[in-house]
Amino acid sequence: MAKSMTSDARKKDTREKIELGGLIVKAGLRYEKRALLLGLLVDGGRRLKGDEEERSRLTAIGAEAFGHDDE
């Protein structure tokens, strides 16, 4: 049973990583260098800490991008 849980956890982790990679593609950043992508994410994470206005602003941008899935 423990082995099955490990397998399920691995599948869930893999699926999550695939979905996160899809966000990079959706953002139009597929061909950017990994260091740049990581820098964007680290910078964004720092800017979000304690800044609800920035969090709301970026959430709105993301929600709009998801709304244009047919493009």
PDB file of N, CA and C in Angstrom:
ATOM      1  N   MET A   1       0.834  -1.200   0.000  1.00  0.00           N
ATOM      2  CA  MET A   1       0.000   0.000   0.000  1.00  0.00           C
ATOM      3  C   MET A   1       0.871   1.252   0.000  1.00  0.00           C
ATOM      4  N   ALA A   2       1.976   1.263   0.762  1.00  0.00           N
ATOM      5  CA  ALA A   2       2.855   2.429   0.816  1.00  0.00           C
ATOM      6  C   ALA A   2       3.478   2.703  -0.550  1.00  0.00           C
ATOM      7  N   LYS A   3       3.793   1.626  -1.261  1.00  0.00           N
ATOM      8  CA  LYS A   3       4.375   1.784  -2.594  1.00  0.00           C
ATOM      9  C   LYS A   3       3.380   2.459  -3.533  1.00  0.00           C
ATOM     10  N   SER A   4       2.117   2.104  -3.440  1.00  0.00           N
ATOM     11  CA  SER A   4       1.067   2.709  -4.256  1.00  0.00           C
ATOM     12  C   SER A   4       0.938   4.193  -3.954  1.00  0.00           C
ATOM     13  N   MET A   5       1.009   4.569  -2.698  1.00  0.00           N
ATOM     14  CA  MET A   5       0.936   5.982  -2.318  1.00  0.00           C
ATOM     15  C   MET A   5       2.110   6.755  -2.898  1.00  0.00           C
ATOM     16  N   THR A   6       3.270   6.158  -2.865  1.00  0.00           N
ATOM     17  CA  THR A   6       4.444   6.810  -3.426  1.00  0.00           C
ATOM     18  C   THR A   6       4.267   7.024  -4.922  1.00  0.00           C
ATOM     19  N   SER A   7       3.736   6.015  -5.592  1.00  0.00           N
ATOM     20  CA  SER A   7       3.492   6.121  -7.030  1.00  0.00           C
ATOM     21  C   SER A   7       2.453   7.207  -7.318  1.00  0.00           C
ATOM     22  N   ASP A   8       1.380   7.244  -6.531  1.00  0.00           N
ATOM     23  CA  ASP A   8       0.357   8.273  -6.708  1.00  0.00           C
ATOM     24  C   ASP A   8       0.927   9.660  -6.462  1.00  0.00           C
ATOM     25  N   ALA A   9       1.751   9.785  -5.442  1.00  0.00           N
ATOM     26  CA  ALA A   9       2.367  11.077  -5.132  1.00  0.00           C
ATOM     27  C   ALA A   9       3.282  11.516  -6.271  1.00  0.00           C
ATOM     28  N   ARG A  10       4.012  10.561  -6.833  1.00  0.00           N
ATOM     29  CA  ARG A  10       4.899  10.870  -7.957  1.00  0.00           C
ATOM     30  C   ARG A  10       4.117  11.310  -9.185  1.00  0.00           C
ATOM     31  N   LYS A  11       3.019  10.635  -9.453  1.00  0.00           N
ATOM     32  CA  LYS A  11       2.179  11.004 -10.598  1.00  0.00           C
ATOM     33  C   LYS A  11       1.607  12.409 -10.413  1.00  0.00           C
ATOM     34  N   LYS A  12       1.166  12.700  -9.210  1.00  0.00           N
ATOM     35  CA  LYS A  12       0.613  14.022  -8.920  1.00  0.00           C
ATOM     36  C   LYS A  12       1.692  15.098  -9.090  1.00  0.00           C
ATOM     37  N   ASP A  13       2.894  14.806  -8.590  1.00  0.00           N
ATOM     38  CA  ASP A  13       4.003  15.753  -8.705  1.00  0.00           C
ATOM     39  C   ASP A  13       4.359  15.986 -10.177  1.00  0.00           C
ATOM     40  N   THR A  14       4.409  14.918 -10.949  1.00  0.00           N
ATOM     41  CA  THR A  14       4.727  15.027 -12.379  1.00  0.00           C
ATOM     42  C   THR A  14       3.672  15.850 -13.104  1.00  0.00           C
ATOM     43  N   ARG A  15       2.411  15.594 -12.814  1.00  0.00           N
ATOM     44  CA  ARG A  15       1.317  16.336 -13.454  1.00  0.00           C
ATOM     45  C   ARG A  15       1.403  17.819 -13.133  1.00  0.00           C
ATOM     46  N   GLU A  16       1.712  18.123 -11.876  1.00  0.00           N
ATOM     47  CA  GLU A  16       1.840  19.522 -11.440  1.00  0.00           C
ATOM     48  C   GLU A  16       2.977  20.217 -12.187  1.00  0.00           C
ATOM     49  N   LYS A  17       4.091  19.539 -12.349  1.00  0.00           N
ATOM     50  CA  LYS A  17       5.236  20.120 -13.057  1.00  0.00           C
ATOM     51  C   LYS A  17       4.910  20.363 -14.526  1.00  0.00           C
ATOM     52  N   ILE A  18       4.185  19.441 -15.136  1.00  0.00           N
ATOM     53  CA  ILE A  18       3.774  19.617 -16.527  1.00  0.00           C
ATOM     54  C   ILE A  18       2.871  20.840 -16.649  1.00  0.00           C
ATOM     55  N   GLU A  19       1.928  20.973 -15.735  1.00  0.00           N
ATOM     56  CA  GLU A  19       1.026  22.131 -15.760  1.00  0.00           C
ATOM     57  C   GLU A  19       1.792  23.436 -15.574  1.00  0.00           C
ATOM     58  N   LEU A  20       2.768  23.449 -14.671  1.00  0.00           N
ATOM     59  CA  LEU A  20       3.569  24.657 -14.458  1.00  0.00           C
ATOM     60  C   LEU A  20       4.381  25.004 -15.698  1.00  0.00           C
ATOM     61  N   GLY A  21       4.905  23.994 -16.376  1.00  0.00           N
ATOM     62  CA  GLY A  21       5.608  24.230 -17.633  1.00  0.00           C
ATOM     63  C   GLY A  21       4.686  24.822 -18.682  1.00  0.00           C
ATOM     64  N   GLY A  22       3.437  24.382 -18.680  1.00  0.00           N
ATOM     65  CA  GLY A  22       2.450  24.922 -19.602  1.00  0.00           C
ATOM     66  C   GLY A  22       2.225  26.408 -19.380  1.00  0.00           C
ATOM     67  N   LEU A  23       2.336  26.846 -18.138  1.00  0.00           N
ATOM     68  CA  LEU A  23       2.190  28.278 -17.847  1.00  0.00           C
ATOM     69  C   LEU A  23       3.316  29.087 -18.490  1.00  0.00           C
ATOM     70  N   ILE A  24       4.513  28.538 -18.500  1.00  0.00           N
ATOM     71  CA  ILE A  24       5.648  29.210 -19.147  1.00  0.00           C
ATOM     72  C   ILE A  24       5.358  29.371 -20.640  1.00  0.00           C
ATOM     73  N   VAL A  25       4.836  28.317 -21.255  1.00  0.00           N
ATOM     74  CA  VAL A  25       4.503  28.358 -22.676  1.00  0.00           C
ATOM     75  C   VAL A  25       3.391  29.377 -22.919  1.00  0.00           C
ATOM     76  N   LYS A  26       2.349  29.329 -22.103  1.00  0.00           N
ATOM     77  CA  LYS A  26       1.212  30.236 -22.264  1.00  0.00           C
ATOM     78  C   LYS A  26       1.644  31.689 -22.134  1.00  0.00           C
ATOM     79  N   ALA A  27       2.637  31.948 -21.294  1.00  0.00           N
ATOM     80  CA  ALA A  27       3.133  33.313 -21.099  1.00  0.00           C
ATOM     81  C   ALA A  27       4.019  33.775 -22.258  1.00  0.00           C
ATOM     82  N   GLY A  28       4.270  32.879 -23.214  1.00  0.00           N
ATOM     83  CA  GLY A  28       5.091  33.247 -24.366  1.00  0.00           C
ATOM     84  C   GLY A  28       6.586  33.228 -24.072  1.00  0.00           C
ATOM     85  N   LEU A  29       6.977  32.440 -23.062  1.00  0.00           N
ATOM     86  CA  LEU A  29       8.374  32.433 -22.628  1.00  0.00           C
ATOM     87  C   LEU A  29       9.077  31.104 -22.907  1.00  0.00           C
ATOM     88  N   ARG A  30       8.513  30.301 -23.782  1.00  0.00           N
ATOM     89  CA  ARG A  30       9.045  28.961 -24.054  1.00  0.00           C
ATOM     90  C   ARG A  30      10.536  28.969 -24.417  1.00  0.00           C
ATOM     91  N   TYR A  31      10.961  29.945 -25.167  1.00  0.00           N
ATOM     92  CA  TYR A  31      12.330  29.912 -25.691  1.00  0.00           C
ATOM     93  C   TYR A  31      13.311  30.774 -24.902  1.00  0.00           C
ATOM     94  N   GLU A  32      12.893  31.270 -23.774  1.00  0.00           N
ATOM     95  CA  GLU A  32      13.799  32.060 -22.929  1.00  0.00           C
ATOM     96  C   GLU A  32      14.736  31.128 -22.158  1.00  0.00           C
ATOM     97  N   LYS A  33      15.873  31.676 -21.779  1.00  0.00           N
ATOM     98  CA  LYS A  33      16.840  30.891 -21.012  1.00  0.00           C
ATOM     99  C   LYS A  33      16.279  30.585 -19.630  1.00  0.00           C
ATOM    100  N   ARG A  34      16.650  29.435 -19.115  1.00  0.00           N
ATOM    101  CA  ARG A  34      16.170  29.008 -17.806  1.00  0.00           C
ATOM    102  C   ARG A  34      16.555  29.981 -16.701  1.00  0.00           C
ATOM    103  N   ALA A  35      17.747  30.546 -16.802  1.00  0.00           N
ATOM    104  CA  ALA A  35      18.185  31.499 -15.772  1.00  0.00           C
ATOM    105  C   ALA A  35      17.279  32.729 -15.759  1.00  0.00           C
ATOM    106  N   LEU A  36      16.868  33.175 -16.929  1.00  0.00           N
ATOM    107  CA  LEU A  36      15.960  34.314 -17.011  1.00  0.00           C
ATOM    108  C   LEU A  36      14.605  33.964 -16.391  1.00  0.00           C
ATOM    109  N   LEU A  37      14.081  32.784 -16.723  1.00  0.00           N
ATOM    110  CA  LEU A  37      12.796  32.365 -16.182  1.00  0.00           C
ATOM    111  C   LEU A  37      12.846  32.266 -14.660  1.00  0.00           C
ATOM    112  N   LEU A  38      13.907  31.679 -14.155  1.00  0.00           N
ATOM    113  CA  LEU A  38      14.044  31.563 -12.706  1.00  0.00           C
ATOM    114  C   LEU A  38      14.174  32.943 -12.073  1.00  0.00           C
ATOM    115  N   GLY A  39      14.919  33.830 -12.717  1.00  0.00           N
ATOM    116  CA  GLY A  39      15.044  35.196 -12.213  1.00  0.00           C
ATOM    117  C   GLY A  39      13.710  35.912 -12.150  1.00  0.00           C
ATOM    118  N   LEU A  40      12.888  35.737 -13.178  1.00  0.00           N
ATOM    119  CA  LEU A  40      11.552  36.329 -13.178  1.00  0.00           C
ATOM    120  C   LEU A  40      10.722  35.809 -12.008  1.00  0.00           C
ATOM    121  N   LEU A  41      10.784  34.516 -11.789  1.00  0.00           N
ATOM    122  CA  LEU A  41       9.998  33.909 -10.716  1.00  0.00           C
ATOM    123  C   LEU A  41      10.497  34.325  -9.337  1.00  0.00           C
ATOM    124  N   VAL A  42      11.801  34.359  -9.157  1.00  0.00           N
ATOM    125  CA  VAL A  42      12.367  34.777  -7.867  1.00  0.00           C
ATOM    126  C   VAL A  42      12.007  36.231  -7.589  1.00  0.00           C
ATOM    127  N   ASP A  43      12.174  37.083  -8.586  1.00  0.00           N
ATOM    128  CA  ASP A  43      11.831  38.499  -8.430  1.00  0.00           C
ATOM    129  C   ASP A  43      10.345  38.666  -8.115  1.00  0.00           C
ATOM    130  N   GLY A  44       9.507  37.940  -8.840  1.00  0.00           N
ATOM    131  CA  GLY A  44       8.068  38.006  -8.597  1.00  0.00           C
ATOM    132  C   GLY A  44       7.715  37.555  -7.191  1.00  0.00           C
ATOM    133  N   GLY A  45       8.339  36.487  -6.749  1.00  0.00           N
ATOM    134  CA  GLY A  45       8.099  35.997  -5.397  1.00  0.00           C
ATOM    135  C   GLY A  45       8.468  37.020  -4.342  1.00  0.00           C
ATOM    136  N   ARG A  46       9.572  37.694  -4.550  1.00  0.00           N
ATOM    137  CA  ARG A  46       9.997  38.741  -3.605  1.00  0.00           C
ATOM    138  C   ARG A  46       9.029  39.909  -3.610  1.00  0.00           C
ATOM    139  N   ARG A  47       8.556  40.285  -4.794  1.00  0.00           N
ATOM    140  CA  ARG A  47       7.635  41.426  -4.888  1.00  0.00           C
ATOM    141  C   ARG A  47       6.274  41.119  -4.277  1.00  0.00           C
ATOM    142  N   LEU A  48       5.908  39.865  -4.268  1.00  0.00           N
ATOM    143  CA  LEU A  48       4.610  39.484  -3.723  1.00  0.00           C
ATOM    144  C   LEU A  48       4.558  39.501  -2.195  1.00  0.00           C
ATOM    145  N   LYS A  49       5.691  39.290  -1.572  1.00  0.00           N
ATOM    146  CA  LYS A  49       5.714  39.194  -0.109  1.00  0.00           C
ATOM    147  C   LYS A  49       5.174  40.470   0.525  1.00  0.00           C
ATOM    148  N   GLY A  50       4.033  40.337   1.140  1.00  0.00           N
ATOM    149  CA  GLY A  50       3.449  41.455   1.866  1.00  0.00           C
ATOM    150  C   GLY A  50       2.862  42.552   1.002  1.00  0.00           C
ATOM    151  N   ASP A  51       2.730  42.319  -0.292  1.00  0.00           N
ATOM    152  CA  ASP A  51       2.200  43.352  -1.175  1.00  0.00           C
ATOM    153  C   ASP A  51       0.934  42.840  -1.856  1.00  0.00           C
ATOM    154  N   GLU A  52      -0.177  42.993  -1.185  1.00  0.00           N
ATOM    155  CA  GLU A  52      -1.445  42.490  -1.711  1.00  0.00           C
ATOM    156  C   GLU A  52      -1.872  43.208  -2.996  1.00  0.00           C
ATOM    157  N   GLU A  53      -1.491  44.460  -3.134  1.00  0.00           N
ATOM    158  CA  GLU A  53      -1.824  45.201  -4.353  1.00  0.00           C
ATOM    159  C   GLU A  53      -1.127  44.590  -5.566  1.00  0.00           C
ATOM    160  N   GLU A  54       0.152  44.259  -5.413  1.00  0.00           N
ATOM    161  CA  GLU A  54       0.905  43.627  -6.502  1.00  0.00           C
ATOM    162  C   GLU A  54       0.338  42.243  -6.794  1.00  0.00           C
ATOM    163  N   ARG A  55      -0.014  41.504  -5.755  1.00  0.00           N
ATOM    164  CA  ARG A  55      -0.605  40.177  -5.927  1.00  0.00           C
ATOM    165  C   ARG A  55      -1.907  40.289  -6.733  1.00  0.00           C
ATOM    166  N   SER A  56      -2.743  41.252  -6.388  1.00  0.00           N
ATOM    167  CA  SER A  56      -4.009  41.452  -7.093  1.00  0.00           C
ATOM    168  C   SER A  56      -3.776  41.864  -8.542  1.00  0.00           C
ATOM    169  N   ARG A  57      -2.803  42.736  -8.768  1.00  0.00           N
ATOM    170  CA  ARG A  57      -2.491  43.202 -10.119  1.00  0.00           C
ATOM    171  C   ARG A  57      -2.057  42.038 -11.006  1.00  0.00           C
ATOM    172  N   LEU A  58      -1.152  41.220 -10.491  1.00  0.00           N
ATOM    173  CA  LEU A  58      -0.647  40.094 -11.274  1.00  0.00           C
ATOM    174  C   LEU A  58      -1.709  39.013 -11.458  1.00  0.00           C
ATOM    175  N   THR A  59      -2.554  38.818 -10.461  1.00  0.00           N
ATOM    176  CA  THR A  59      -3.647  37.856 -10.582  1.00  0.00           C
ATOM    177  C   THR A  59      -4.605  38.280 -11.688  1.00  0.00           C
ATOM    178  N   ALA A  60      -4.878  39.560 -11.778  1.00  0.00           N
ATOM    179  CA  ALA A  60      -5.761  40.068 -12.835  1.00  0.00           C
ATOM    180  C   ALA A  60      -5.149  39.842 -14.213  1.00  0.00           C
ATOM    181  N   ILE A  61      -3.866  40.070 -14.342  1.00  0.00           N
ATOM    182  CA  ILE A  61      -3.183  39.835 -15.623  1.00  0.00           C
ATOM    183  C   ILE A  61      -3.281  38.354 -15.996  1.00  0.00           C
ATOM    184  N   GLY A  62      -3.039  37.471 -15.031  1.00  0.00           N
ATOM    185  CA  GLY A  62      -3.116  36.033 -15.289  1.00  0.00           C
ATOM    186  C   GLY A  62      -4.518  35.582 -15.644  1.00  0.00           C
ATOM    187  N   ALA A  63      -5.496  36.111 -14.929  1.00  0.00           N
ATOM    188  CA  ALA A  63      -6.887  35.751 -15.212  1.00  0.00           C
ATOM    189  C   ALA A  63      -7.280  36.182 -16.610  1.00  0.00           C
ATOM    190  N   GLU A  64      -6.831  37.340 -17.026  1.00  0.00           N
ATOM    191  CA  GLU A  64      -7.117  37.805 -18.391  1.00  0.00           C
ATOM    192  C   GLU A  64      -6.475  36.891 -19.414  1.00  0.00           C
ATOM    193  N   ALA A  65      -5.239  36.477 -19.154  1.00  0.00           N
ATOM    194  CA  ALA A  65      -4.541  35.568 -20.078  1.00  0.00           C
ATOM    195  C   ALA A  65      -5.268  34.228 -20.183  1.00  0.00           C
ATOM    196  N   PHE A  66      -5.772  33.711 -19.077  1.00  0.00           N
ATOM    197  CA  PHE A  66      -6.536  32.469 -19.120  1.00  0.00           C
ATOM    198  C   PHE A  66      -7.844  32.661 -19.895  1.00  0.00           C
ATOM    199  N   GLY A  67      -8.382  33.838 -19.861  1.00  0.00           N
ATOM    200  CA  GLY A  67      -9.623  34.131 -20.573  1.00  0.00           C
ATOM    201  C   GLY A  67      -9.464  34.137 -22.065  1.00  0.00           C
ATOM    202  N   HIS A  68      -8.221  34.195 -22.532  1.00  0.00           N
ATOM    203  CA  HIS A  68      -7.944  34.211 -23.980  1.00  0.00           C
ATOM    204  C   HIS A  68      -7.369  32.890 -24.440  1.00  0.00           C
ATOM    205  N   ASP A  69      -7.806  31.783 -23.833  1.00  0.00           N
ATOM    206  CA  ASP A  69      -7.290  30.462 -24.171  1.00  0.00           C
ATOM    207  C   ASP A  69      -7.524  30.059 -25.624  1.00  0.00           C
ATOM    208  N   ASP A  70      -8.518  30.659 -26.265  1.00  0.00           N
ATOM    209  CA  ASP A  70      -8.837  30.262 -27.630  1.00  0.00           C
ATOM    210  C   ASP A  70      -7.956  30.950 -28.660  1.00  0.00           C
ATOM    211  N   GLU A  71      -7.063  31.808 -28.226  1.00  0.00           N
ATOM    212  CA  GLU A  71      -6.202  32.534 -29.178  1.00  0.00           C
ATOM    213  C   GLU A  71      -4.916  31.797 -29.435  1.00  0.00           C
TER     214      GLU A  71
END
